[in-house]
Amino acid sequence: MSSLSEADITSVATASGAVTHLGGAVCQITHDVSSIKVEHAKENIDVALQLVNTPKVYVVIDLSGVRKADKETRSWGSSEELSRKAGAIAILVASPVSQMIGSFFIGINRPPVPTKLFHQRAKAVAWLRELERESLEGYDESDLAETIPNRSDEVPAQHATTER
């Protein structure tokens, strides 16, 4: 895949759906497939990193239409590789099935980054923006202005719980 520029692209189609840049280091991954495979997860995170152009991405993963995530995908979701790429994960759930998948992932696989379930995208994004802002504390603002635009401080973070 070619290098992506924030100025040129805000949403990119992937094999399993789309990755949309929401400003700063925050992206949303939307799946158009009912079953997620590890190659989908890896591609989506890599595309998100290209969109944000920062060392780590804070990602909303929309599982609302997903019915299954295979064992390899769940294992990768708790891997050291993912922790080098993601600052936090907000899992957007809409159905009992997607909530079960998200809860199972958090409870059994123990992701290495802050991870939380949400029913509302706005709350998920606010939580990620707060974590992104906290990760930048102590840095000189002039060093960050070009790479991390649109930071906001909205909602305090909670680890591995569900927000309604």
C-alpha atoms as a PDB file:
ATOM      1  CA  MET A   1       0.000   0.000   0.000  1.00  0.00           C
ATOM      2  CA  SER A   2       1.266   3.500  -0.769  1.00  0.00           C
ATOM      3  CA  SER A   3       1.962   6.095   1.893  1.00  0.00           C
ATOM      4  CA  LEU A   4      -1.122   8.045   2.966  1.00  0.00           C
ATOM      5  CA  SER A   5      -1.311  11.763   3.661  1.00  0.00           C
ATOM      6  CA  GLU A   6      -3.771  13.310   6.141  1.00  0.00           C
ATOM      7  CA  ALA A   7      -4.191  16.244   3.778  1.00  0.00           C
ATOM      8  CA  ASP A   8      -5.277  13.973   0.942  1.00  0.00           C
ATOM      9  CA  ILE A   9      -7.278  11.196   2.622  1.00  0.00           C
ATOM     10  CA  THR A  10      -9.542  10.999   5.656  1.00  0.00           C
ATOM     11  CA  SER A  11     -11.074   7.568   4.970  1.00  0.00           C
ATOM     12  CA  VAL A  12      -9.532   4.484   3.353  1.00  0.00           C
ATOM     13  CA  ALA A  13     -11.275   1.306   2.196  1.00  0.00           C
ATOM     14  CA  THR A  14      -9.701  -1.919   3.452  1.00  0.00           C
ATOM     15  CA  ALA A  15     -10.341  -5.616   2.798  1.00  0.00           C
ATOM     16  CA  SER A  16     -12.739  -5.773   5.764  1.00  0.00           C
ATOM     17  CA  GLY A  17     -14.325  -2.307   5.733  1.00  0.00           C
ATOM     18  CA  ALA A  18     -12.861   1.169   6.196  1.00  0.00           C
ATOM     19  CA  VAL A  19     -10.532   3.209   8.381  1.00  0.00           C
ATOM     20  CA  THR A  20     -11.533   6.823   9.015  1.00  0.00           C
ATOM     21  CA  HIS A  21      -9.273   9.492  10.518  1.00  0.00           C
ATOM     22  CA  LEU A  22     -11.179  11.408  13.224  1.00  0.00           C
ATOM     23  CA  GLY A  23      -8.474  13.994  13.909  1.00  0.00           C
ATOM     24  CA  GLY A  24      -5.327  13.888  16.011  1.00  0.00           C
ATOM     25  CA  ALA A  25      -4.173  10.323  16.602  1.00  0.00           C
ATOM     26  CA  VAL A  26      -7.751   8.937  16.606  1.00  0.00           C
ATOM     27  CA  CYS A  27      -9.185   6.654  13.898  1.00  0.00           C
ATOM     28  CA  GLN A  28     -12.318   4.552  13.559  1.00  0.00           C
ATOM     29  CA  ILE A  29     -12.224   1.082  12.026  1.00  0.00           C
ATOM     30  CA  THR A  30     -15.562  -0.044  10.623  1.00  0.00           C
ATOM     31  CA  HIS A  31     -15.979  -3.663   9.577  1.00  0.00           C
ATOM     32  CA  ASP A  32     -18.225  -4.611   6.646  1.00  0.00           C
ATOM     33  CA  VAL A  33     -17.619  -8.311   7.252  1.00  0.00           C
ATOM     34  CA  SER A  34     -19.238 -10.580   9.830  1.00  0.00           C
ATOM     35  CA  SER A  35     -16.020 -12.440  10.632  1.00  0.00           C
ATOM     36  CA  ILE A  36     -12.716 -10.680  11.367  1.00  0.00           C
ATOM     37  CA  LYS A  37      -9.439 -12.383  10.510  1.00  0.00           C
ATOM     38  CA  VAL A  38      -5.971 -11.437  11.760  1.00  0.00           C
ATOM     39  CA  GLU A  39      -4.930 -10.091   8.352  1.00  0.00           C
ATOM     40  CA  HIS A  40      -7.900  -7.670   8.520  1.00  0.00           C
ATOM     41  CA  ALA A  41      -6.906  -6.466  11.996  1.00  0.00           C
ATOM     42  CA  LYS A  42      -3.262  -5.942  11.022  1.00  0.00           C
ATOM     43  CA  GLU A  43      -4.137  -4.131   7.792  1.00  0.00           C
ATOM     44  CA  ASN A  44      -6.606  -1.841   9.562  1.00  0.00           C
ATOM     45  CA  ILE A  45      -4.152  -0.840  12.297  1.00  0.00           C
ATOM     46  CA  ASP A  46      -1.378  -0.228   9.739  1.00  0.00           C
ATOM     47  CA  VAL A  47      -3.702   1.949   7.610  1.00  0.00           C
ATOM     48  CA  ALA A  48      -4.786   3.854  10.736  1.00  0.00           C
ATOM     49  CA  LEU A  49      -1.150   4.531  11.646  1.00  0.00           C
ATOM     50  CA  GLN A  50      -0.507   5.894   8.162  1.00  0.00           C
ATOM     51  CA  LEU A  51      -3.540   8.171   8.423  1.00  0.00           C
ATOM     52  CA  VAL A  52      -2.614   9.665  11.794  1.00  0.00           C
ATOM     53  CA  ASN A  53       1.123   9.866  11.116  1.00  0.00           C
ATOM     54  CA  THR A  54       1.951   9.437  14.812  1.00  0.00           C
ATOM     55  CA  PRO A  55       3.830   6.656  16.641  1.00  0.00           C
ATOM     56  CA  LYS A  56       0.579   5.213  18.060  1.00  0.00           C
ATOM     57  CA  VAL A  57      -3.070   5.305  17.037  1.00  0.00           C
ATOM     58  CA  TYR A  58      -6.048   5.583  19.392  1.00  0.00           C
ATOM     59  CA  VAL A  59      -8.706   3.505  17.696  1.00  0.00           C
ATOM     60  CA  VAL A  60     -12.471   3.027  17.794  1.00  0.00           C
ATOM     61  CA  ILE A  61     -13.233  -0.459  16.477  1.00  0.00           C
ATOM     62  CA  ASP A  62     -16.860  -0.780  15.376  1.00  0.00           C
ATOM     63  CA  LEU A  63     -17.916  -4.377  16.021  1.00  0.00           C
ATOM     64  CA  SER A  64     -21.637  -3.717  15.541  1.00  0.00           C
ATOM     65  CA  GLY A  65     -21.950  -6.017  12.511  1.00  0.00           C
ATOM     66  CA  VAL A  66     -19.325  -8.563  13.527  1.00  0.00           C
ATOM     67  CA  ARG A  67     -20.414 -12.052  14.540  1.00  0.00           C
ATOM     68  CA  LYS A  68     -17.018 -13.726  14.929  1.00  0.00           C
ATOM     69  CA  ALA A  69     -13.334 -12.986  15.527  1.00  0.00           C
ATOM     70  CA  ASP A  70     -11.077 -16.021  15.173  1.00  0.00           C
ATOM     71  CA  LYS A  71      -8.606 -17.121  17.855  1.00  0.00           C
ATOM     72  CA  GLU A  72      -5.570 -15.836  15.929  1.00  0.00           C
ATOM     73  CA  THR A  73      -7.165 -12.372  15.673  1.00  0.00           C
ATOM     74  CA  ARG A  74      -8.009 -12.297  19.381  1.00  0.00           C
ATOM     75  CA  SER A  75      -4.451 -13.382  20.239  1.00  0.00           C
ATOM     76  CA  TRP A  76      -2.967 -10.665  18.024  1.00  0.00           C
ATOM     77  CA  GLY A  77      -5.255  -8.180  19.782  1.00  0.00           C
ATOM     78  CA  SER A  78      -3.395  -8.882  23.006  1.00  0.00           C
ATOM     79  CA  SER A  79       0.080  -8.999  21.459  1.00  0.00           C
ATOM     80  CA  GLU A  80       3.192  -6.921  22.014  1.00  0.00           C
ATOM     81  CA  GLU A  81       3.027  -6.008  18.310  1.00  0.00           C
ATOM     82  CA  LEU A  82      -0.328  -4.307  18.813  1.00  0.00           C
ATOM     83  CA  SER A  83       0.864  -2.499  21.958  1.00  0.00           C
ATOM     84  CA  ARG A  84       3.648  -0.892  19.884  1.00  0.00           C
ATOM     85  CA  LYS A  85       1.049   0.449  17.426  1.00  0.00           C
ATOM     86  CA  ALA A  86      -2.041   1.331  19.519  1.00  0.00           C
ATOM     87  CA  GLY A  87      -2.316   3.715  22.461  1.00  0.00           C
ATOM     88  CA  ALA A  88      -5.842   2.582  23.395  1.00  0.00           C
ATOM     89  CA  ILE A  89      -8.816   0.730  21.938  1.00  0.00           C
ATOM     90  CA  ALA A  90     -12.479   1.684  22.232  1.00  0.00           C
ATOM     91  CA  ILE A  91     -14.743  -1.128  21.060  1.00  0.00           C
ATOM     92  CA  LEU A  92     -18.089   0.057  19.718  1.00  0.00           C
ATOM     93  CA  VAL A  93     -20.848  -2.518  20.265  1.00  0.00           C
ATOM     94  CA  ALA A  94     -24.491  -2.403  19.197  1.00  0.00           C
ATOM     95  CA  SER A  95     -25.847  -5.919  19.589  1.00  0.00           C
ATOM     96  CA  PRO A  96     -25.658  -8.577  22.274  1.00  0.00           C
ATOM     97  CA  VAL A  97     -23.373 -10.598  19.961  1.00  0.00           C
ATOM     98  CA  SER A  98     -20.908  -7.749  19.413  1.00  0.00           C
ATOM     99  CA  GLN A  99     -20.970  -6.949  23.139  1.00  0.00           C
ATOM    100  CA  MET A 100     -20.244 -10.601  23.925  1.00  0.00           C
ATOM    101  CA  ILE A 101     -17.293 -10.626  21.482  1.00  0.00           C
ATOM    102  CA  GLY A 102     -15.913  -7.403  22.977  1.00  0.00           C
ATOM    103  CA  SER A 103     -16.370  -8.549  26.581  1.00  0.00           C
ATOM    104  CA  PHE A 104     -14.807 -11.927  25.801  1.00  0.00           C
ATOM    105  CA  PHE A 105     -11.831 -10.237  24.147  1.00  0.00           C
ATOM    106  CA  ILE A 106     -11.225  -7.906  27.106  1.00  0.00           C
ATOM    107  CA  GLY A 107     -11.815 -10.535  29.785  1.00  0.00           C
ATOM    108  CA  ILE A 108      -9.922 -13.462  28.283  1.00  0.00           C
ATOM    109  CA  ASN A 109      -7.263 -11.932  26.040  1.00  0.00           C
ATOM    110  CA  ARG A 110      -6.329  -9.028  28.329  1.00  0.00           C
ATOM    111  CA  PRO A 111      -5.280  -6.396  25.760  1.00  0.00           C
ATOM    112  CA  PRO A 112      -1.939  -4.709  26.585  1.00  0.00           C
ATOM    113  CA  VAL A 113      -3.397  -1.204  26.118  1.00  0.00           C
ATOM    114  CA  PRO A 114      -6.383   0.491  27.784  1.00  0.00           C
ATOM    115  CA  THR A 115      -9.504  -1.060  26.238  1.00  0.00           C
ATOM    116  CA  LYS A 116     -13.148  -0.276  26.894  1.00  0.00           C
ATOM    117  CA  LEU A 117     -16.568  -1.134  25.411  1.00  0.00           C
ATOM    118  CA  PHE A 118     -18.949   1.637  24.312  1.00  0.00           C
ATOM    119  CA  HIS A 119     -22.470   1.848  22.930  1.00  0.00           C
ATOM    120  CA  GLN A 120     -22.005   5.446  21.717  1.00  0.00           C
ATOM    121  CA  ARG A 121     -19.302   6.539  19.274  1.00  0.00           C
ATOM    122  CA  ALA A 122     -19.093  10.071  20.745  1.00  0.00           C
ATOM    123  CA  LYS A 123     -18.243   8.708  24.199  1.00  0.00           C
ATOM    124  CA  ALA A 124     -15.685   6.325  22.713  1.00  0.00           C
ATOM    125  CA  VAL A 125     -13.961   9.138  20.823  1.00  0.00           C
ATOM    126  CA  ALA A 126     -14.003  11.426  23.879  1.00  0.00           C
ATOM    127  CA  TRP A 127     -12.363   8.714  25.992  1.00  0.00           C
ATOM    128  CA  LEU A 128      -9.663   8.132  23.360  1.00  0.00           C
ATOM    129  CA  ARG A 129      -8.981  11.863  23.031  1.00  0.00           C
ATOM    130  CA  GLU A 130      -8.518  12.107  26.797  1.00  0.00           C
ATOM    131  CA  LEU A 131      -6.026   9.222  26.760  1.00  0.00           C
ATOM    132  CA  GLU A 132      -4.248  10.781  23.792  1.00  0.00           C
ATOM    133  CA  ARG A 133      -4.028  14.122  25.648  1.00  0.00           C
ATOM    134  CA  GLU A 134      -2.713  12.405  28.793  1.00  0.00           C
ATOM    135  CA  SER A 135      -0.038  10.607  26.768  1.00  0.00           C
ATOM    136  CA  LEU A 136       1.227  13.977  25.519  1.00  0.00           C
ATOM    137  CA  GLU A 137       1.575  15.645  28.929  1.00  0.00           C
ATOM    138  CA  GLY A 138       5.110  16.822  29.528  1.00  0.00           C
ATOM    139  CA  TYR A 139       5.884  17.367  25.852  1.00  0.00           C
ATOM    140  CA  ASP A 140       6.539  20.833  24.465  1.00  0.00           C
ATOM    141  CA  GLU A 141       3.351  21.926  22.628  1.00  0.00           C
ATOM    142  CA  SER A 142       5.366  23.378  19.730  1.00  0.00           C
ATOM    143  CA  ASP A 143       6.852  19.912  19.078  1.00  0.00           C
ATOM    144  CA  LEU A 144       3.365  18.404  18.861  1.00  0.00           C
ATOM    145  CA  ALA A 145       1.407  21.029  16.945  1.00  0.00           C
ATOM    146  CA  GLU A 146       2.093  19.605  13.489  1.00  0.00           C
ATOM    147  CA  THR A 147       1.661  15.906  14.272  1.00  0.00           C
ATOM    148  CA  ILE A 148      -1.244  15.925  16.770  1.00  0.00           C
ATOM    149  CA  PRO A 149      -3.920  18.455  15.741  1.00  0.00           C
ATOM    150  CA  ASN A 150      -7.417  18.676  17.276  1.00  0.00           C
ATOM    151  CA  ARG A 151      -6.607  17.435  20.774  1.00  0.00           C
ATOM    152  CA  SER A 152      -9.346  17.904  23.326  1.00  0.00           C
ATOM    153  CA  ASP A 153      -9.887  17.082  26.967  1.00  0.00           C
ATOM    154  CA  GLU A 154     -13.349  15.688  27.482  1.00  0.00           C
ATOM    155  CA  VAL A 155     -14.041  12.489  29.441  1.00  0.00           C
ATOM    156  CA  PRO A 156     -11.888  10.782  32.097  1.00  0.00           C
ATOM    157  CA  ALA A 157     -10.824   7.238  31.225  1.00  0.00           C
ATOM    158  CA  GLN A 158     -11.982   3.995  32.804  1.00  0.00           C
ATOM    159  CA  HIS A 159     -10.228   0.719  31.977  1.00  0.00           C
ATOM    160  CA  ALA A 160     -12.073  -2.269  30.447  1.00  0.00           C
ATOM    161  CA  THR A 161     -15.675  -1.377  31.209  1.00  0.00           C
ATOM    162  CA  THR A 162     -18.797  -0.683  29.168  1.00  0.00           C
ATOM    163  CA  GLU A 163     -20.204   2.823  28.627  1.00  0.00           C
ATOM    164  CA  ARG A 164     -23.820   3.366  27.613  1.00  0.00           C
END
